[in-house]
Amino acid sequence: MDRNPSQKRAVHYLYPPVEPFDQRMLDVGDGHRVYAEQSGRPDGLPVVVVHGGPGGGCSPAMRRYFDPAIYRVILFDQRGCGRSTPHASVEANTTWHLIADMERIREELGIDDWIVFGGSWGATLSLLYAQSHPERVACLVLRGVFLMMQRELDWFYGGGAGQFWPEQWGRFAGLVPEDEQGNLIAAYHERLFSGDHATEVKFARAWAAWENALASIQSNGTWGEPPAEYARAFSRLENHYFKNAGFLDADGHILNNMEKLADIPGFIVQGRYDMICPPRSAYELQKRWKSGQLRFVRDAGHALSEPGISAELVRIMKQLGDA
């Protein structure tokens, strides 16, 4: 079903900002310390927010999708990004490390099961966590589905999206020699991990700018230059994961294991004009997940902040909170 909530209604629906009542750094091993926080109601319905990227980090705005009188909201920064340390590190940093970190957080906070709320790469990690620990997931709420499949990487880094945004694609691809443009993930990897900080920042900003410019349906293709250290962590981590195909054992791993989610209810909110994660993935996911509901938002792209997407997510969380 296509939905088109008004912008005014979407903004109105976001809850006022709240401050965390608990912040901590967890030693998860391998030299990594992971930032985690709690806000809202301490004895409320627990929901864990899984940020995108990989490498994007959580933000205070992510707390605003949940009624603080109902929800106990857990945010965390995945390994290597945000407030987690060491910053921008890819050592001992794989999908399976992140899933183990989520379990560590759940156990540390004394939570039996929780709602898992994630978008983009956060949807990927949410699905993989649920397939690994289905007994710990009360419900999945996903946005802008990314299944960590080669066809998705080919779309975004192989020229598919570039057919719609040729100027931006030209700048992104044109930073490397023409004979390396057939594999931009590998070409950027060489430069993002060159050991020269200035080179890493230059290519990190270009990598992040290509993605950010296409996130919103309202985009005009321009994006302000991101801070150097944020861009470096985001781009190195994302490239590291994509170069290694998400550390999954097969292309289509998530779809091939959907029977593990048969008893888990969930919602998928997908922008109809998502240029980063095209709707095909959300559609194929729902076809294999009979307890999952797919809601297309008509005038929306990829970003969490898209008005229609924000409204739909808040509506879903209100529905779950009222149940």
Protein backbone atom coordinates (compact mmCIF):
# COMPACT_ATOMS: atom_id res chain seq x y z
CA MET A 1 0.00 0.00 0.00
CA ASP A 2 1.40 3.39 -0.96
CA ARG A 3 1.13 6.00 1.76
CA ASN A 4 1.59 9.73 1.48
CA PRO A 5 1.38 11.36 4.92
CA SER A 6 1.78 15.11 4.76
CA GLN A 7 5.02 16.76 5.81
CA LYS A 8 3.24 18.77 8.49
CA ARG A 9 1.80 15.65 10.04
CA ALA A 10 5.15 13.85 9.96
CA VAL A 11 7.01 16.61 11.76
CA HIS A 12 4.21 16.92 14.32
CA TYR A 13 4.41 13.21 15.03
CA LEU A 14 8.06 13.24 16.13
CA TYR A 15 8.37 13.22 19.91
CA PRO A 16 10.22 16.03 21.74
CA PRO A 17 13.94 15.46 22.34
CA VAL A 18 14.82 13.58 25.53
CA GLU A 19 18.13 13.10 27.29
CA PRO A 20 19.55 9.66 28.15
CA PHE A 21 19.18 8.43 31.70
CA ASP A 22 22.10 6.02 31.21
CA GLN A 23 25.27 6.16 29.10
CA ARG A 24 28.07 3.64 29.18
CA MET A 25 31.07 2.25 27.33
CA LEU A 26 31.11 -1.54 27.11
CA ASP A 27 34.32 -3.50 26.65
CA VAL A 28 33.32 -6.04 24.00
CA GLY A 29 36.77 -7.53 23.53
CA ASP A 30 39.30 -7.37 20.69
CA GLY A 31 40.34 -3.93 21.91
CA HIS A 32 36.91 -2.44 21.15
CA ARG A 33 34.71 -0.38 23.45
CA VAL A 34 31.12 0.22 22.34
CA TYR A 35 29.02 3.21 23.37
CA ALA A 36 25.44 2.46 24.49
CA GLU A 37 22.74 4.65 25.99
CA GLN A 38 19.20 4.39 27.32
CA SER A 39 16.46 7.00 27.27
CA GLY A 40 12.72 7.16 27.84
CA ARG A 41 11.05 5.04 30.50
CA PRO A 42 13.47 2.81 32.48
CA ASP A 43 10.84 0.08 32.92
CA GLY A 44 9.29 0.64 29.51
CA LEU A 45 8.95 -1.52 26.41
CA PRO A 46 12.53 -2.05 25.22
CA VAL A 47 13.50 -1.11 21.66
CA VAL A 48 17.03 -1.17 20.28
CA VAL A 49 17.86 1.21 17.43
CA VAL A 50 20.35 -0.15 14.88
CA HIS A 51 22.00 2.63 12.89
CA GLY A 52 23.03 2.52 9.27
CA GLY A 53 26.27 2.74 7.36
CA PRO A 54 28.04 0.58 8.35
CA GLY A 55 29.81 3.36 10.20
CA GLY A 56 27.05 5.94 10.48
CA GLY A 57 26.75 6.08 14.26
CA CYS A 58 23.63 6.87 16.26
CA SER A 59 22.27 10.37 16.82
CA PRO A 60 19.96 12.04 19.38
CA ALA A 61 17.30 12.47 16.67
CA MET A 62 16.83 8.69 16.61
CA ARG A 63 15.23 8.87 20.07
CA ARG A 64 12.36 10.95 18.70
CA TYR A 65 10.51 8.08 17.02
CA PHE A 66 9.42 6.60 20.34
CA ASP A 67 7.04 7.85 23.02
CA PRO A 68 9.33 8.28 26.05
CA ALA A 69 6.41 7.54 28.36
CA ILE A 70 6.13 4.04 26.84
CA TYR A 71 9.51 2.98 25.46
CA ARG A 72 12.90 2.19 26.92
CA VAL A 73 15.05 3.26 23.99
CA ILE A 74 18.52 1.76 23.54
CA LEU A 75 20.93 3.34 21.07
CA PHE A 76 24.49 2.19 20.44
CA ASP A 77 27.39 3.02 18.14
CA GLN A 78 28.68 0.00 16.25
CA ARG A 79 32.38 -0.85 16.39
CA GLY A 80 34.69 1.82 15.05
CA CYS A 81 32.21 4.70 14.71
CA GLY A 82 30.43 7.39 16.69
CA ARG A 83 31.65 7.33 20.28
CA SER A 84 32.89 3.74 20.10
CA THR A 85 36.63 3.18 20.07
CA PRO A 86 39.08 2.73 18.42
CA HIS A 87 37.71 5.19 15.87
CA ALA A 88 37.55 4.08 12.22
CA SER A 89 39.11 0.71 13.04
CA VAL A 90 38.26 -2.31 10.90
CA GLU A 91 40.21 -4.78 13.01
CA ALA A 92 37.94 -7.47 14.52
CA ASN A 93 35.04 -5.65 12.91
CA THR A 94 32.64 -7.93 11.05
CA THR A 95 28.90 -8.50 10.94
CA TRP A 96 29.23 -11.36 13.41
CA HIS A 97 31.16 -9.19 15.86
CA LEU A 98 28.32 -6.64 15.71
CA ILE A 99 25.67 -9.29 16.34
CA ALA A 100 27.64 -10.50 19.36
CA ASP A 101 27.89 -6.90 20.59
CA MET A 102 24.11 -6.53 20.39
CA GLU A 103 23.70 -9.64 22.53
CA ARG A 104 26.25 -8.27 24.98
CA ILE A 105 24.26 -5.04 25.29
CA ARG A 106 20.98 -6.92 25.78
CA GLU A 107 22.49 -9.10 28.51
CA GLU A 108 24.22 -6.15 30.18
CA LEU A 109 20.90 -4.29 30.39
CA GLY A 110 18.96 -7.31 31.65
CA ILE A 111 16.50 -7.42 28.74
CA ASP A 112 14.79 -10.70 27.81
CA ASP A 113 13.63 -9.62 24.37
CA TRP A 114 13.24 -6.33 22.53
CA ILE A 115 11.85 -4.64 19.45
CA VAL A 116 14.62 -4.23 16.89
CA PHE A 117 14.37 -1.01 14.84
CA GLY A 118 16.81 -0.45 11.97
CA GLY A 119 17.15 1.18 8.59
CA SER A 120 19.41 0.68 5.57
CA TRP A 121 22.47 -1.23 6.85
CA GLY A 122 20.64 -1.12 10.19
CA ALA A 123 17.90 -3.20 8.55
CA THR A 124 20.52 -5.67 7.31
CA LEU A 125 22.03 -6.07 10.75
CA SER A 126 18.58 -6.24 12.39
CA LEU A 127 17.56 -9.10 10.11
CA LEU A 128 20.81 -10.99 10.67
CA TYR A 129 20.57 -10.49 14.43
CA ALA A 130 16.98 -11.79 14.36
CA GLN A 131 17.99 -14.83 12.32
CA SER A 132 20.79 -15.54 14.81
CA HIS A 133 18.68 -14.91 17.96
CA PRO A 134 14.99 -15.20 17.01
CA GLU A 135 13.97 -15.85 20.62
CA ARG A 136 15.25 -12.38 21.59
CA VAL A 137 13.25 -10.40 19.02
CA ALA A 138 9.68 -9.40 19.84
CA CYS A 139 9.19 -7.49 16.59
CA LEU A 140 11.23 -6.08 13.69
CA VAL A 141 10.67 -2.55 12.38
CA LEU A 142 12.72 -1.97 9.22
CA ARG A 143 13.23 0.97 6.87
CA GLY A 144 14.98 1.29 3.50
CA VAL A 145 15.81 -2.39 3.18
CA PHE A 146 19.33 -3.45 2.20
CA LEU A 147 19.95 -7.20 1.93
CA MET A 148 23.73 -7.07 1.42
CA MET A 149 23.48 -8.60 -2.06
CA GLN A 150 25.83 -8.11 -4.99
CA ARG A 151 23.07 -6.73 -7.20
CA GLU A 152 22.52 -3.94 -4.66
CA LEU A 153 26.21 -3.05 -4.64
CA ASP A 154 26.28 -3.17 -8.44
CA TRP A 155 23.34 -0.77 -8.56
CA PHE A 156 24.94 1.84 -6.33
CA TYR A 157 28.64 1.40 -7.10
CA GLY A 158 28.44 0.01 -10.62
CA GLY A 159 26.62 2.84 -12.37
CA GLY A 160 22.93 2.03 -11.95
CA ALA A 161 22.09 4.97 -9.70
CA GLY A 162 24.59 6.99 -11.71
CA GLN A 163 22.25 6.88 -14.70
CA PHE A 164 19.86 9.07 -12.70
CA TRP A 165 22.59 11.27 -11.20
CA PRO A 166 25.28 11.48 -13.90
CA GLU A 167 26.95 14.66 -12.59
CA GLN A 168 27.40 13.25 -9.11
CA TRP A 169 28.44 9.87 -10.49
CA GLY A 170 31.02 11.56 -12.69
CA ARG A 171 32.59 13.26 -9.69
CA PHE A 172 32.55 10.06 -7.62
CA ALA A 173 33.92 7.73 -10.29
CA GLY A 174 36.22 10.33 -11.81
CA LEU A 175 38.44 10.53 -8.74
CA VAL A 176 40.11 7.25 -9.74
CA PRO A 177 41.81 6.37 -13.04
CA GLU A 178 39.52 5.11 -15.79
CA ASP A 179 41.07 1.65 -15.79
CA GLU A 180 40.00 1.21 -12.13
CA GLN A 181 36.43 2.44 -12.54
CA GLY A 182 35.13 -1.06 -13.25
CA ASN A 183 35.45 -1.84 -9.53
CA LEU A 184 35.02 1.33 -7.53
CA ILE A 185 34.72 -0.47 -4.19
CA ALA A 186 38.21 -1.93 -4.68
CA ALA A 187 39.60 1.33 -6.07
CA TYR A 188 38.33 3.35 -3.13
CA HIS A 189 39.47 0.66 -0.70
CA GLU A 190 43.07 1.11 -1.81
CA ARG A 191 42.86 4.85 -1.09
CA LEU A 192 40.73 4.73 2.06
CA PHE A 193 43.34 2.42 3.61
CA SER A 194 46.40 4.00 2.03
CA GLY A 195 47.99 5.00 5.34
CA ASP A 196 48.13 8.63 4.22
CA HIS A 197 45.59 10.57 6.31
CA ALA A 198 45.03 13.34 3.74
CA THR A 199 44.34 10.80 0.99
CA GLU A 200 42.00 8.82 3.22
CA VAL A 201 40.02 11.93 4.12
CA LYS A 202 39.80 13.10 0.50
CA PHE A 203 38.35 9.81 -0.71
CA ALA A 204 36.25 9.35 2.42
CA ARG A 205 34.51 12.66 1.79
CA ALA A 206 33.86 11.71 -1.83
CA TRP A 207 32.46 8.29 -0.82
CA ALA A 208 30.16 9.84 1.80
CA ALA A 209 29.09 12.69 -0.50
CA TRP A 210 27.97 10.27 -3.23
CA GLU A 211 25.66 8.48 -0.80
CA ASN A 212 24.40 11.55 1.04
CA ALA A 213 23.54 13.38 -2.18
CA LEU A 214 21.09 10.63 -3.17
CA ALA A 215 19.47 9.99 0.22
CA SER A 216 16.45 12.28 -0.02
CA ILE A 217 13.82 12.59 -2.72
CA GLN A 218 14.13 16.35 -2.25
CA SER A 219 17.86 16.34 -2.99
CA ASN A 220 19.27 18.66 -5.64
CA GLY A 221 22.44 16.58 -5.78
CA THR A 222 24.57 18.80 -3.58
CA TRP A 223 25.78 18.01 -0.12
CA GLY A 224 27.93 19.98 2.29
CA GLU A 225 31.38 18.61 3.01
CA PRO A 226 31.14 16.20 5.95
CA PRO A 227 33.58 16.52 8.88
CA ALA A 228 36.83 14.78 8.11
CA GLU A 229 36.87 12.24 10.94
CA TYR A 230 33.19 11.35 10.59
CA ALA A 231 33.64 10.80 6.85
CA ARG A 232 36.78 8.74 7.39
CA ALA A 233 35.09 6.36 9.85
CA PHE A 234 31.89 6.09 7.83
CA SER A 235 33.59 5.47 4.50
CA ARG A 236 36.31 3.11 5.73
CA LEU A 237 33.82 0.95 7.61
CA GLU A 238 31.24 0.90 4.83
CA ASN A 239 33.85 0.10 2.20
CA HIS A 240 35.37 -2.61 4.44
CA TYR A 241 32.00 -4.33 4.80
CA PHE A 242 31.07 -4.02 1.14
CA LYS A 243 34.44 -5.25 -0.09
CA ASN A 244 33.89 -8.34 2.07
CA ALA A 245 30.24 -8.84 1.00
CA GLY A 246 29.07 -8.23 4.55
CA PHE A 247 31.04 -11.26 5.76
CA LEU A 248 28.10 -13.47 4.75
CA ASP A 249 28.52 -17.02 3.53
CA ALA A 250 26.53 -16.57 0.31
CA ASP A 251 24.88 -13.92 -1.82
CA GLY A 252 21.22 -13.92 -0.75
CA HIS A 253 22.06 -15.14 2.77
CA ILE A 254 19.22 -13.18 4.39
CA LEU A 255 16.55 -14.30 1.94
CA ASN A 256 17.77 -17.89 2.17
CA ASN A 257 17.23 -17.90 5.95
CA MET A 258 13.86 -16.19 6.24
CA GLU A 259 12.20 -19.31 7.65
CA LYS A 260 13.94 -18.43 10.92
CA LEU A 261 11.71 -15.35 11.17
CA ALA A 262 8.44 -17.17 10.54
CA ASP A 263 7.17 -16.45 14.06
CA ILE A 264 8.48 -12.90 14.36
CA PRO A 265 6.07 -10.10 13.37
CA GLY A 266 7.42 -7.06 11.62
CA PHE A 267 7.00 -3.99 9.47
CA ILE A 268 8.91 -2.74 6.44
CA VAL A 269 8.73 0.95 5.55
CA GLN A 270 10.14 1.64 2.10
CA GLY A 271 10.43 4.84 0.08
CA ARG A 272 9.01 4.25 -3.38
CA TYR A 273 11.84 6.28 -4.97
CA ASP A 274 14.74 5.06 -2.86
CA MET A 275 17.87 5.55 -5.00
CA ILE A 276 20.27 3.94 -2.53
CA CYS A 277 18.30 0.79 -1.65
CA PRO A 278 15.76 0.21 -4.46
CA PRO A 279 12.35 -1.19 -3.42
CA ARG A 280 12.94 -4.57 -5.05
CA SER A 281 14.74 -5.80 -1.93
CA ALA A 282 11.88 -4.80 0.39
CA TYR A 283 9.40 -6.50 -1.93
CA GLU A 284 11.39 -9.75 -2.12
CA LEU A 285 11.90 -9.74 1.65
CA GLN A 286 8.19 -9.43 2.34
CA LYS A 287 7.36 -12.23 -0.13
CA ARG A 288 9.41 -14.60 2.03
CA TRP A 289 8.19 -13.19 5.35
CA LYS A 290 4.48 -13.84 5.78
CA SER A 291 4.35 -12.18 9.19
CA GLY A 292 5.97 -9.01 7.83
CA GLN A 293 3.94 -6.09 6.51
CA LEU A 294 5.33 -3.92 3.70
CA ARG A 295 4.31 -0.26 3.56
CA PHE A 296 5.50 1.80 0.61
CA VAL A 297 5.71 5.56 1.11
CA ARG A 298 4.83 7.20 -2.17
CA ASP A 299 6.76 10.47 -2.18
CA ALA A 300 9.92 9.37 -0.41
CA GLY A 301 13.48 8.25 -1.00
CA HIS A 302 15.88 6.61 1.42
CA ALA A 303 16.47 8.90 4.37
CA LEU A 304 15.04 8.29 7.84
CA SER A 305 14.19 12.00 7.93
CA GLU A 306 11.90 11.85 4.88
CA PRO A 307 8.58 13.24 6.20
CA GLY A 308 6.44 10.35 4.99
CA ILE A 309 8.88 7.74 6.29
CA SER A 310 9.13 9.45 9.68
CA ALA A 311 5.35 9.59 9.98
CA GLU A 312 4.93 5.92 9.10
CA LEU A 313 7.59 4.78 11.56
CA VAL A 314 6.13 6.82 14.40
CA ARG A 315 2.67 5.48 13.56
CA ILE A 316 3.97 1.90 13.74
CA MET A 317 5.69 2.48 17.07
CA LYS A 318 2.54 4.06 18.47
CA GLN A 319 0.57 1.03 17.30
CA LEU A 320 3.02 -1.34 19.02
CA GLY A 321 3.03 0.77 22.17
CA ASP A 322 -0.76 0.77 22.35
CA ALA A 323 -1.05 -2.99 21.84
